[in-house]
Amino acid sequence: MIKITVGVLALQGAFYEHVVLLKKAAASLALEQVSSSHWEFLEVRTPQELERCNALVLPGGESTAISLVAARSNMLEPLRDFVKVHRKPTWGTCAGLILLAESANRTKKGGQDLIGGLDVRVNRNHFGRQTESFQAPLELPFLTSSGEPQPPFPAVFIRAPVVEKILPHHEGVQVDESQRGETVVAPSRQAESEAARKAMSRDVEVLASLPGRAARLATEGKSIDADEETGDIIAVRQGNVFGTSFHPELTGDERIHSWWLRQVEESVKRMQ
């Protein structure tokens, strides 16, 4: 049995809700006998606590506030090393997705520090104000491992970003992105190990999109039935980095947390 420590960045936002669902997911994995690992979950506020972690969750909240507190807590550089140099498994939800993007628009230069790790440009607050929050039942094929149909996932969107563009992978800052108005880019980092470089070189994989009709109805604050329209990109993965526009931690449904813990376990075993 191996011990795996999963941290949740606890500087601002819905970190406690993530911890609760991670514990629930670990219990489900043990009950189903699909994981033999010993799981530890840790609220992370210091570089020393981050060093203990094999994987990390960046919660939803206010991305500007999280980055500001991280900078004042001397956490930004350790976080960038964790994600981009060591390439440890990291998941960002909503604000966490913004922080993990290599580029973010609708922001003043100098007003938002990014961690990076996902070669995407995000559009902040794509759906508008908090009063325009909504939920939509989503079909998420990546949750289906047995081939049996799964019930839709009750995705909660609160001032949510979307992935506006998949960016080409560059070793270094996205030059074209840095020249865009009201856009910030994450500083570059060199991956440390061969395994980390391999993970970092992978292309971005789109895991879920929000149907177009749902996007139009979002401003009416309605619950939405998904349809077949192509819509906004709301879940992506690149190597060990995973991002979702929505808030699984606010649903009580631990399926995405369970899926991610299995990805973490596989990654930790590969790195041993």
C-alpha atoms as a PDB file:
ATOM      1  CA  MET A   1       0.000   0.000   0.000  1.00  0.00           C
ATOM      2  CA  ILE A   2       1.328   3.425  -0.920  1.00  0.00           C
ATOM      3  CA  LYS A   3       0.519   6.688   0.833  1.00  0.00           C
ATOM      4  CA  ILE A   4      -0.698   9.526  -1.385  1.00  0.00           C
ATOM      5  CA  THR A   5      -1.118  13.047  -0.036  1.00  0.00           C
ATOM      6  CA  VAL A   6      -3.537  15.268  -1.921  1.00  0.00           C
ATOM      7  CA  GLY A   7      -3.497  18.955  -1.084  1.00  0.00           C
ATOM      8  CA  VAL A   8      -6.246  21.515  -1.581  1.00  0.00           C
ATOM      9  CA  LEU A   9      -5.027  25.092  -1.866  1.00  0.00           C
ATOM     10  CA  ALA A  10      -6.761  26.795   1.051  1.00  0.00           C
ATOM     11  CA  LEU A  11      -6.059  30.491   0.492  1.00  0.00           C
ATOM     12  CA  GLN A  12      -9.587  31.460  -0.596  1.00  0.00           C
ATOM     13  CA  GLY A  13     -12.650  29.853  -2.121  1.00  0.00           C
ATOM     14  CA  ALA A  14     -14.407  26.496  -1.820  1.00  0.00           C
ATOM     15  CA  PHE A  15     -11.481  24.463  -0.511  1.00  0.00           C
ATOM     16  CA  TYR A  16     -13.364  22.823   2.361  1.00  0.00           C
ATOM     17  CA  GLU A  17     -16.011  21.445  -0.003  1.00  0.00           C
ATOM     18  CA  HIS A  18     -13.268  19.813  -2.072  1.00  0.00           C
ATOM     19  CA  VAL A  19     -11.778  18.156   1.008  1.00  0.00           C
ATOM     20  CA  VAL A  20     -15.188  16.743   1.956  1.00  0.00           C
ATOM     21  CA  LEU A  21     -15.786  15.244  -1.505  1.00  0.00           C
ATOM     22  CA  LEU A  22     -12.215  13.933  -1.785  1.00  0.00           C
ATOM     23  CA  LYS A  23     -12.704  12.007   1.451  1.00  0.00           C
ATOM     24  CA  LYS A  24     -16.047  10.711   0.201  1.00  0.00           C
ATOM     25  CA  ALA A  25     -14.438   9.672  -3.095  1.00  0.00           C
ATOM     26  CA  ALA A  26     -11.573   7.873  -1.346  1.00  0.00           C
ATOM     27  CA  ALA A  27     -14.078   5.971   0.787  1.00  0.00           C
ATOM     28  CA  SER A  28     -16.001   4.963  -2.358  1.00  0.00           C
ATOM     29  CA  LEU A  29     -12.821   3.736  -4.057  1.00  0.00           C
ATOM     30  CA  ALA A  30     -11.940   1.658  -1.005  1.00  0.00           C
ATOM     31  CA  LEU A  31     -15.464   0.219  -0.834  1.00  0.00           C
ATOM     32  CA  GLU A  32     -15.345  -0.681  -4.521  1.00  0.00           C
ATOM     33  CA  GLN A  33     -11.854  -2.138  -4.016  1.00  0.00           C
ATOM     34  CA  VAL A  34     -10.457  -0.182  -6.974  1.00  0.00           C
ATOM     35  CA  SER A  35      -7.774   1.586  -4.943  1.00  0.00           C
ATOM     36  CA  SER A  36      -5.283   0.101  -2.501  1.00  0.00           C
ATOM     37  CA  SER A  37      -3.644   3.419  -1.600  1.00  0.00           C
ATOM     38  CA  HIS A  38      -3.724   5.161   1.761  1.00  0.00           C
ATOM     39  CA  TRP A  39      -5.059   8.656   1.115  1.00  0.00           C
ATOM     40  CA  GLU A  40      -4.268  11.781   3.128  1.00  0.00           C
ATOM     41  CA  PHE A  41      -5.983  15.107   2.392  1.00  0.00           C
ATOM     42  CA  LEU A  42      -4.336  18.351   3.411  1.00  0.00           C
ATOM     43  CA  GLU A  43      -5.355  22.011   3.357  1.00  0.00           C
ATOM     44  CA  VAL A  44      -2.367  23.813   1.849  1.00  0.00           C
ATOM     45  CA  ARG A  45      -1.399  27.351   2.873  1.00  0.00           C
ATOM     46  CA  THR A  46       2.419  27.277   2.957  1.00  0.00           C
ATOM     47  CA  PRO A  47       5.268  26.090   0.714  1.00  0.00           C
ATOM     48  CA  GLN A  48       6.155  23.517   3.374  1.00  0.00           C
ATOM     49  CA  GLU A  49       2.665  22.001   3.222  1.00  0.00           C
ATOM     50  CA  LEU A  50       2.821  21.995  -0.580  1.00  0.00           C
ATOM     51  CA  GLU A  51       6.067  20.004  -0.469  1.00  0.00           C
ATOM     52  CA  ARG A  52       4.229  17.175   1.293  1.00  0.00           C
ATOM     53  CA  CYS A  53       1.744  16.771  -1.558  1.00  0.00           C
ATOM     54  CA  ASN A  54       1.719  14.287  -4.404  1.00  0.00           C
ATOM     55  CA  ALA A  55      -1.194  16.096  -6.058  1.00  0.00           C
ATOM     56  CA  LEU A  56      -3.092  19.352  -5.665  1.00  0.00           C
ATOM     57  CA  VAL A  57      -6.559  20.867  -6.172  1.00  0.00           C
ATOM     58  CA  LEU A  58      -6.996  24.572  -6.910  1.00  0.00           C
ATOM     59  CA  PRO A  59     -10.556  25.417  -5.836  1.00  0.00           C
ATOM     60  CA  GLY A  60     -13.168  27.746  -7.190  1.00  0.00           C
ATOM     61  CA  GLY A  61     -13.378  31.239  -5.736  1.00  0.00           C
ATOM     62  CA  GLU A  62     -11.906  34.545  -6.902  1.00  0.00           C
ATOM     63  CA  SER A  63      -8.878  33.890  -9.088  1.00  0.00           C
ATOM     64  CA  THR A  64      -7.474  37.395  -8.566  1.00  0.00           C
ATOM     65  CA  ALA A  65      -7.812  37.065  -4.787  1.00  0.00           C
ATOM     66  CA  ILE A  66      -6.232  33.592  -4.771  1.00  0.00           C
ATOM     67  CA  SER A  67      -3.262  34.767  -6.846  1.00  0.00           C
ATOM     68  CA  LEU A  68      -2.827  37.865  -4.682  1.00  0.00           C
ATOM     69  CA  VAL A  69      -2.824  35.871  -1.442  1.00  0.00           C
ATOM     70  CA  ALA A  70      -0.507  33.296  -3.036  1.00  0.00           C
ATOM     71  CA  ALA A  71       1.962  36.036  -3.965  1.00  0.00           C
ATOM     72  CA  ARG A  72       1.859  37.534  -0.463  1.00  0.00           C
ATOM     73  CA  SER A  73       2.293  34.067   1.055  1.00  0.00           C
ATOM     74  CA  ASN A  74       5.324  33.288  -1.146  1.00  0.00           C
ATOM     75  CA  MET A  75       3.315  30.486  -2.760  1.00  0.00           C
ATOM     76  CA  LEU A  76       3.272  31.511  -6.434  1.00  0.00           C
ATOM     77  CA  GLU A  77       6.711  30.230  -7.366  1.00  0.00           C
ATOM     78  CA  PRO A  78       6.337  26.940  -5.444  1.00  0.00           C
ATOM     79  CA  LEU A  79       2.957  26.432  -7.150  1.00  0.00           C
ATOM     80  CA  ARG A  80       4.483  27.043 -10.590  1.00  0.00           C
ATOM     81  CA  ASP A  81       7.262  24.577  -9.809  1.00  0.00           C
ATOM     82  CA  PHE A  82       4.732  22.009  -8.550  1.00  0.00           C
ATOM     83  CA  VAL A  83       2.658  22.207 -11.733  1.00  0.00           C
ATOM     84  CA  LYS A  84       5.155  23.022 -14.482  1.00  0.00           C
ATOM     85  CA  VAL A  85       8.553  21.805 -13.274  1.00  0.00           C
ATOM     86  CA  HIS A  86       7.668  18.687 -11.276  1.00  0.00           C
ATOM     87  CA  ARG A  87       4.441  18.238 -13.271  1.00  0.00           C
ATOM     88  CA  LYS A  88       2.553  16.711 -10.385  1.00  0.00           C
ATOM     89  CA  PRO A  89      -1.179  15.990 -10.838  1.00  0.00           C
ATOM     90  CA  THR A  90      -3.140  19.213 -10.437  1.00  0.00           C
ATOM     91  CA  TRP A  91      -6.840  19.941 -10.857  1.00  0.00           C
ATOM     92  CA  GLY A  92      -8.346  23.414 -11.046  1.00  0.00           C
ATOM     93  CA  THR A  93     -12.059  24.181 -10.789  1.00  0.00           C
ATOM     94  CA  CYS A  94     -13.474  27.488 -12.068  1.00  0.00           C
ATOM     95  CA  ALA A  95     -10.995  30.024 -10.609  1.00  0.00           C
ATOM     96  CA  GLY A  96      -8.499  27.167 -10.448  1.00  0.00           C
ATOM     97  CA  LEU A  97      -8.889  26.638 -14.198  1.00  0.00           C
ATOM     98  CA  ILE A  98      -8.109  30.322 -14.783  1.00  0.00           C
ATOM     99  CA  LEU A  99      -4.963  30.059 -12.669  1.00  0.00           C
ATOM    100  CA  LEU A 100      -3.789  26.952 -14.546  1.00  0.00           C
ATOM    101  CA  ALA A 101      -4.248  28.517 -17.985  1.00  0.00           C
ATOM    102  CA  GLU A 102      -1.246  29.786 -19.920  1.00  0.00           C
ATOM    103  CA  SER A 103      -3.325  32.779 -21.028  1.00  0.00           C
ATOM    104  CA  ALA A 104      -6.373  34.596 -19.655  1.00  0.00           C
ATOM    105  CA  ASN A 105      -8.254  37.477 -21.209  1.00  0.00           C
ATOM    106  CA  ARG A 106     -10.702  40.044 -19.848  1.00  0.00           C
ATOM    107  CA  THR A 107      -8.095  41.078 -17.340  1.00  0.00           C
ATOM    108  CA  LYS A 108      -5.758  44.044 -17.037  1.00  0.00           C
ATOM    109  CA  LYS A 109      -2.085  43.304 -17.431  1.00  0.00           C
ATOM    110  CA  GLY A 110      -0.467  43.130 -14.048  1.00  0.00           C
ATOM    111  CA  GLY A 111      -3.819  42.470 -12.389  1.00  0.00           C
ATOM    112  CA  GLN A 112      -3.802  38.674 -12.431  1.00  0.00           C
ATOM    113  CA  ASP A 113      -0.901  36.305 -11.797  1.00  0.00           C
ATOM    114  CA  LEU A 114      -1.225  32.914 -13.492  1.00  0.00           C
ATOM    115  CA  ILE A 115       0.400  29.631 -12.577  1.00  0.00           C
ATOM    116  CA  GLY A 116       0.040  28.013 -16.011  1.00  0.00           C
ATOM    117  CA  GLY A 117       0.310  24.407 -17.055  1.00  0.00           C
ATOM    118  CA  LEU A 118      -2.558  24.159 -19.547  1.00  0.00           C
ATOM    119  CA  ASP A 119      -1.918  25.407 -23.074  1.00  0.00           C
ATOM    120  CA  VAL A 120      -5.244  27.207 -23.302  1.00  0.00           C
ATOM    121  CA  ARG A 121      -6.639  30.719 -23.277  1.00  0.00           C
ATOM    122  CA  VAL A 122      -9.541  31.140 -20.883  1.00  0.00           C
ATOM    123  CA  ASN A 123     -12.289  33.717 -21.061  1.00  0.00           C
ATOM    124  CA  ARG A 124     -12.921  34.886 -17.508  1.00  0.00           C
ATOM    125  CA  ASN A 125     -16.528  35.262 -16.292  1.00  0.00           C
ATOM    126  CA  HIS A 126     -17.755  34.059 -19.662  1.00  0.00           C
ATOM    127  CA  PHE A 127     -21.348  33.660 -18.463  1.00  0.00           C
ATOM    128  CA  GLY A 128     -21.607  37.003 -16.700  1.00  0.00           C
ATOM    129  CA  ARG A 129     -22.381  37.974 -13.143  1.00  0.00           C
ATOM    130  CA  GLN A 130     -23.006  35.718 -10.154  1.00  0.00           C
ATOM    131  CA  THR A 131     -26.760  36.326 -10.476  1.00  0.00           C
ATOM    132  CA  GLU A 132     -26.533  34.606 -13.874  1.00  0.00           C
ATOM    133  CA  SER A 133     -25.220  31.364 -12.378  1.00  0.00           C
ATOM    134  CA  PHE A 134     -26.908  28.155 -13.489  1.00  0.00           C
ATOM    135  CA  GLN A 135     -26.625  24.392 -13.548  1.00  0.00           C
ATOM    136  CA  ALA A 136     -26.751  21.910 -16.397  1.00  0.00           C
ATOM    137  CA  PRO A 137     -26.851  18.103 -16.445  1.00  0.00           C
ATOM    138  CA  LEU A 138     -23.838  17.003 -18.487  1.00  0.00           C
ATOM    139  CA  GLU A 139     -22.911  13.771 -20.192  1.00  0.00           C
ATOM    140  CA  LEU A 140     -19.250  13.194 -19.269  1.00  0.00           C
ATOM    141  CA  PRO A 141     -17.856  10.235 -21.227  1.00  0.00           C
ATOM    142  CA  PHE A 142     -14.551  10.268 -19.335  1.00  0.00           C
ATOM    143  CA  LEU A 143     -16.404   9.105 -16.210  1.00  0.00           C
ATOM    144  CA  THR A 144     -17.555   5.921 -17.932  1.00  0.00           C
ATOM    145  CA  SER A 145     -14.989   3.153 -17.496  1.00  0.00           C
ATOM    146  CA  SER A 146     -17.255   0.095 -17.387  1.00  0.00           C
ATOM    147  CA  GLY A 147     -19.174   0.961 -20.533  1.00  0.00           C
ATOM    148  CA  GLU A 148     -22.412   1.188 -18.587  1.00  0.00           C
ATOM    149  CA  PRO A 149     -24.415   4.404 -19.009  1.00  0.00           C
ATOM    150  CA  GLN A 150     -23.984   6.977 -16.262  1.00  0.00           C
ATOM    151  CA  PRO A 151     -26.551   9.524 -15.096  1.00  0.00           C
ATOM    152  CA  PRO A 152     -25.773  13.113 -16.144  1.00  0.00           C
ATOM    153  CA  PHE A 153     -23.453  15.080 -13.897  1.00  0.00           C
ATOM    154  CA  PRO A 154     -25.143  18.084 -12.200  1.00  0.00           C
ATOM    155  CA  ALA A 155     -22.616  20.754 -13.210  1.00  0.00           C
ATOM    156  CA  VAL A 156     -22.805  24.041 -11.302  1.00  0.00           C
ATOM    157  CA  PHE A 157     -21.563  27.199 -13.048  1.00  0.00           C
ATOM    158  CA  ILE A 158     -20.892  30.341 -10.978  1.00  0.00           C
ATOM    159  CA  ARG A 159     -19.281  33.249 -12.864  1.00  0.00           C
ATOM    160  CA  ALA A 160     -17.598  30.497 -14.809  1.00  0.00           C
ATOM    161  CA  PRO A 161     -14.786  30.793 -17.336  1.00  0.00           C
ATOM    162  CA  VAL A 162     -14.580  28.759 -20.521  1.00  0.00           C
ATOM    163  CA  VAL A 163     -11.645  27.606 -22.606  1.00  0.00           C
ATOM    164  CA  GLU A 164     -11.752  30.048 -25.490  1.00  0.00           C
ATOM    165  CA  LYS A 165      -8.818  28.637 -27.459  1.00  0.00           C
ATOM    166  CA  ILE A 166      -6.467  25.666 -27.426  1.00  0.00           C
ATOM    167  CA  LEU A 167      -2.963  27.074 -27.799  1.00  0.00           C
ATOM    168  CA  PRO A 168      -0.022  25.483 -29.585  1.00  0.00           C
ATOM    169  CA  HIS A 169       2.570  24.113 -27.209  1.00  0.00           C
ATOM    170  CA  HIS A 170       5.691  26.255 -26.889  1.00  0.00           C
ATOM    171  CA  GLU A 171       8.690  25.963 -24.611  1.00  0.00           C
ATOM    172  CA  GLY A 172       8.283  29.372 -23.064  1.00  0.00           C
ATOM    173  CA  VAL A 173       5.788  32.188 -22.954  1.00  0.00           C
ATOM    174  CA  GLN A 174       3.088  32.278 -25.612  1.00  0.00           C
ATOM    175  CA  VAL A 175       4.465  35.265 -27.535  1.00  0.00           C
ATOM    176  CA  ASP A 176       1.329  35.918 -29.564  1.00  0.00           C
ATOM    177  CA  GLU A 177      -0.821  35.763 -26.433  1.00  0.00           C
ATOM    178  CA  SER A 178       1.354  38.255 -24.572  1.00  0.00           C
ATOM    179  CA  GLN A 179       0.709  40.814 -27.312  1.00  0.00           C
ATOM    180  CA  ARG A 180      -3.068  40.662 -26.980  1.00  0.00           C
ATOM    181  CA  GLY A 181      -4.864  43.474 -25.192  1.00  0.00           C
ATOM    182  CA  GLU A 182      -6.327  42.766 -21.724  1.00  0.00           C
ATOM    183  CA  THR A 183      -4.549  39.404 -21.691  1.00  0.00           C
ATOM    184  CA  VAL A 184      -2.013  37.992 -19.255  1.00  0.00           C
ATOM    185  CA  VAL A 185       0.217  34.970 -19.734  1.00  0.00           C
ATOM    186  CA  ALA A 186       1.898  32.635 -17.297  1.00  0.00           C
ATOM    187  CA  PRO A 187       5.697  32.712 -16.966  1.00  0.00           C
ATOM    188  CA  SER A 188       7.533  29.805 -18.556  1.00  0.00           C
ATOM    189  CA  ARG A 189       9.174  26.980 -16.632  1.00  0.00           C
ATOM    190  CA  GLN A 190      11.345  24.075 -17.739  1.00  0.00           C
ATOM    191  CA  ALA A 191      10.173  20.617 -16.700  1.00  0.00           C
ATOM    192  CA  GLU A 192      12.635  18.916 -14.367  1.00  0.00           C
ATOM    193  CA  SER A 193      12.527  15.215 -15.238  1.00  0.00           C
ATOM    194  CA  GLU A 194      12.061  13.275 -18.451  1.00  0.00           C
ATOM    195  CA  ALA A 195       8.645  12.068 -17.221  1.00  0.00           C
ATOM    196  CA  ALA A 196       7.634  15.653 -16.460  1.00  0.00           C
ATOM    197  CA  ARG A 197       8.840  16.864 -19.876  1.00  0.00           C
ATOM    198  CA  LYS A 198       6.866  14.092 -21.560  1.00  0.00           C
ATOM    199  CA  ALA A 199       3.705  15.043 -19.652  1.00  0.00           C
ATOM    200  CA  MET A 200       4.203  18.706 -20.456  1.00  0.00           C
ATOM    201  CA  SER A 201       4.618  18.047 -24.194  1.00  0.00           C
ATOM    202  CA  ARG A 202       1.225  16.416 -24.587  1.00  0.00           C
ATOM    203  CA  ASP A 203      -1.547  18.193 -26.443  1.00  0.00           C
ATOM    204  CA  VAL A 204      -4.606  19.521 -24.674  1.00  0.00           C
ATOM    205  CA  GLU A 205      -7.480  17.033 -24.627  1.00  0.00           C
ATOM    206  CA  VAL A 206     -11.043  18.373 -24.555  1.00  0.00           C
ATOM    207  CA  LEU A 207     -13.053  16.278 -22.095  1.00  0.00           C
ATOM    208  CA  ALA A 208     -16.377  18.150 -22.075  1.00  0.00           C
ATOM    209  CA  SER A 209     -18.258  20.972 -23.766  1.00  0.00           C
ATOM    210  CA  LEU A 210     -21.352  22.858 -22.709  1.00  0.00           C
ATOM    211  CA  PRO A 211     -24.055  22.734 -25.388  1.00  0.00           C
ATOM    212  CA  GLY A 212     -24.566  25.978 -27.258  1.00  0.00           C
ATOM    213  CA  ARG A 213     -28.235  26.320 -26.334  1.00  0.00           C
ATOM    214  CA  ALA A 214     -27.288  26.011 -22.690  1.00  0.00           C
ATOM    215  CA  ALA A 215     -24.874  28.885 -23.075  1.00  0.00           C
ATOM    216  CA  ARG A 216     -27.612  31.109 -24.492  1.00  0.00           C
ATOM    217  CA  LEU A 217     -30.046  30.238 -21.716  1.00  0.00           C
ATOM    218  CA  ALA A 218     -27.444  30.767 -19.002  1.00  0.00           C
ATOM    219  CA  THR A 219     -28.238  34.475 -18.775  1.00  0.00           C
ATOM    220  CA  GLU A 220     -31.797  33.542 -17.774  1.00  0.00           C
ATOM    221  CA  GLY A 221     -30.566  31.562 -14.772  1.00  0.00           C
ATOM    222  CA  LYS A 222     -32.378  28.396 -15.842  1.00  0.00           C
ATOM    223  CA  SER A 223     -31.638  24.743 -15.292  1.00  0.00           C
ATOM    224  CA  ILE A 224     -30.882  23.377 -18.725  1.00  0.00           C
ATOM    225  CA  ASP A 225     -31.390  20.096 -20.566  1.00  0.00           C
ATOM    226  CA  ALA A 226     -28.288  19.290 -22.606  1.00  0.00           C
ATOM    227  CA  ASP A 227     -28.668  18.890 -26.355  1.00  0.00           C
ATOM    228  CA  GLU A 228     -26.450  17.976 -29.276  1.00  0.00           C
ATOM    229  CA  GLU A 229     -25.188  21.456 -30.117  1.00  0.00           C
ATOM    230  CA  THR A 230     -21.472  22.154 -30.099  1.00  0.00           C
ATOM    231  CA  GLY A 231     -20.728  24.646 -27.388  1.00  0.00           C
ATOM    232  CA  ASP A 232     -18.164  26.001 -24.969  1.00  0.00           C
ATOM    233  CA  ILE A 233     -15.195  23.949 -23.782  1.00  0.00           C
ATOM    234  CA  ILE A 234     -15.594  23.393 -20.031  1.00  0.00           C
ATOM    235  CA  ALA A 235     -13.205  20.531 -19.171  1.00  0.00           C
ATOM    236  CA  VAL A 236      -9.676  19.900 -20.455  1.00  0.00           C
ATOM    237  CA  ARG A 237      -6.650  17.804 -19.610  1.00  0.00           C
ATOM    238  CA  GLN A 238      -3.003  18.079 -20.601  1.00  0.00           C
ATOM    239  CA  GLY A 239      -0.707  15.466 -19.149  1.00  0.00           C
ATOM    240  CA  ASN A 240      -1.204  15.560 -15.404  1.00  0.00           C
ATOM    241  CA  VAL A 241      -3.078  18.883 -15.380  1.00  0.00           C
ATOM    242  CA  PHE A 242      -6.898  18.886 -15.379  1.00  0.00           C
ATOM    243  CA  GLY A 243      -9.289  21.820 -15.434  1.00  0.00           C
ATOM    244  CA  THR A 244     -13.062  22.268 -15.183  1.00  0.00           C
ATOM    245  CA  SER A 245     -15.102  25.460 -15.613  1.00  0.00           C
ATOM    246  CA  PHE A 246     -17.752  24.243 -13.206  1.00  0.00           C
ATOM    247  CA  HIS A 247     -17.842  23.353  -9.503  1.00  0.00           C
ATOM    248  CA  PRO A 248     -18.084  19.575  -8.849  1.00  0.00           C
ATOM    249  CA  GLU A 249     -17.353  20.281  -5.184  1.00  0.00           C
ATOM    250  CA  LEU A 250     -20.719  22.036  -4.786  1.00  0.00           C
ATOM    251  CA  THR A 251     -22.817  19.113  -6.009  1.00  0.00           C
ATOM    252  CA  GLY A 252     -22.344  16.320  -3.469  1.00  0.00           C
ATOM    253  CA  ASP A 253     -21.596  14.031  -6.442  1.00  0.00           C
ATOM    254  CA  GLU A 254     -18.117  12.542  -5.947  1.00  0.00           C
ATOM    255  CA  ARG A 255     -17.756  10.860  -9.356  1.00  0.00           C
ATOM    256  CA  ILE A 256     -15.300  13.381 -10.823  1.00  0.00           C
ATOM    257  CA  HIS A 257     -13.285  13.381  -7.580  1.00  0.00           C
ATOM    258  CA  SER A 258     -13.163   9.566  -7.700  1.00  0.00           C
ATOM    259  CA  TRP A 259     -12.076   9.612 -11.334  1.00  0.00           C
ATOM    260  CA  TRP A 260      -9.353  12.162 -10.600  1.00  0.00           C
ATOM    261  CA  LEU A 261      -8.023  10.227  -7.601  1.00  0.00           C
ATOM    262  CA  ARG A 262      -7.597   7.220  -9.874  1.00  0.00           C
ATOM    263  CA  GLN A 263      -5.587   9.395 -12.285  1.00  0.00           C
ATOM    264  CA  VAL A 264      -3.473  10.609  -9.378  1.00  0.00           C
ATOM    265  CA  GLU A 265      -2.832   7.067  -8.186  1.00  0.00           C
ATOM    266  CA  GLU A 266      -1.697   5.963 -11.645  1.00  0.00           C
ATOM    267  CA  SER A 267       0.590   8.976 -11.958  1.00  0.00           C
ATOM    268  CA  VAL A 268       2.195   8.454  -8.546  1.00  0.00           C
ATOM    269  CA  LYS A 269       2.858   4.789  -9.340  1.00  0.00           C
ATOM    270  CA  ARG A 270       4.480   5.738 -12.664  1.00  0.00           C
ATOM    271  CA  MET A 271       6.768   8.245 -10.960  1.00  0.00           C
ATOM    272  CA  GLN A 272       8.002   5.779  -8.332  1.00  0.00           C
END
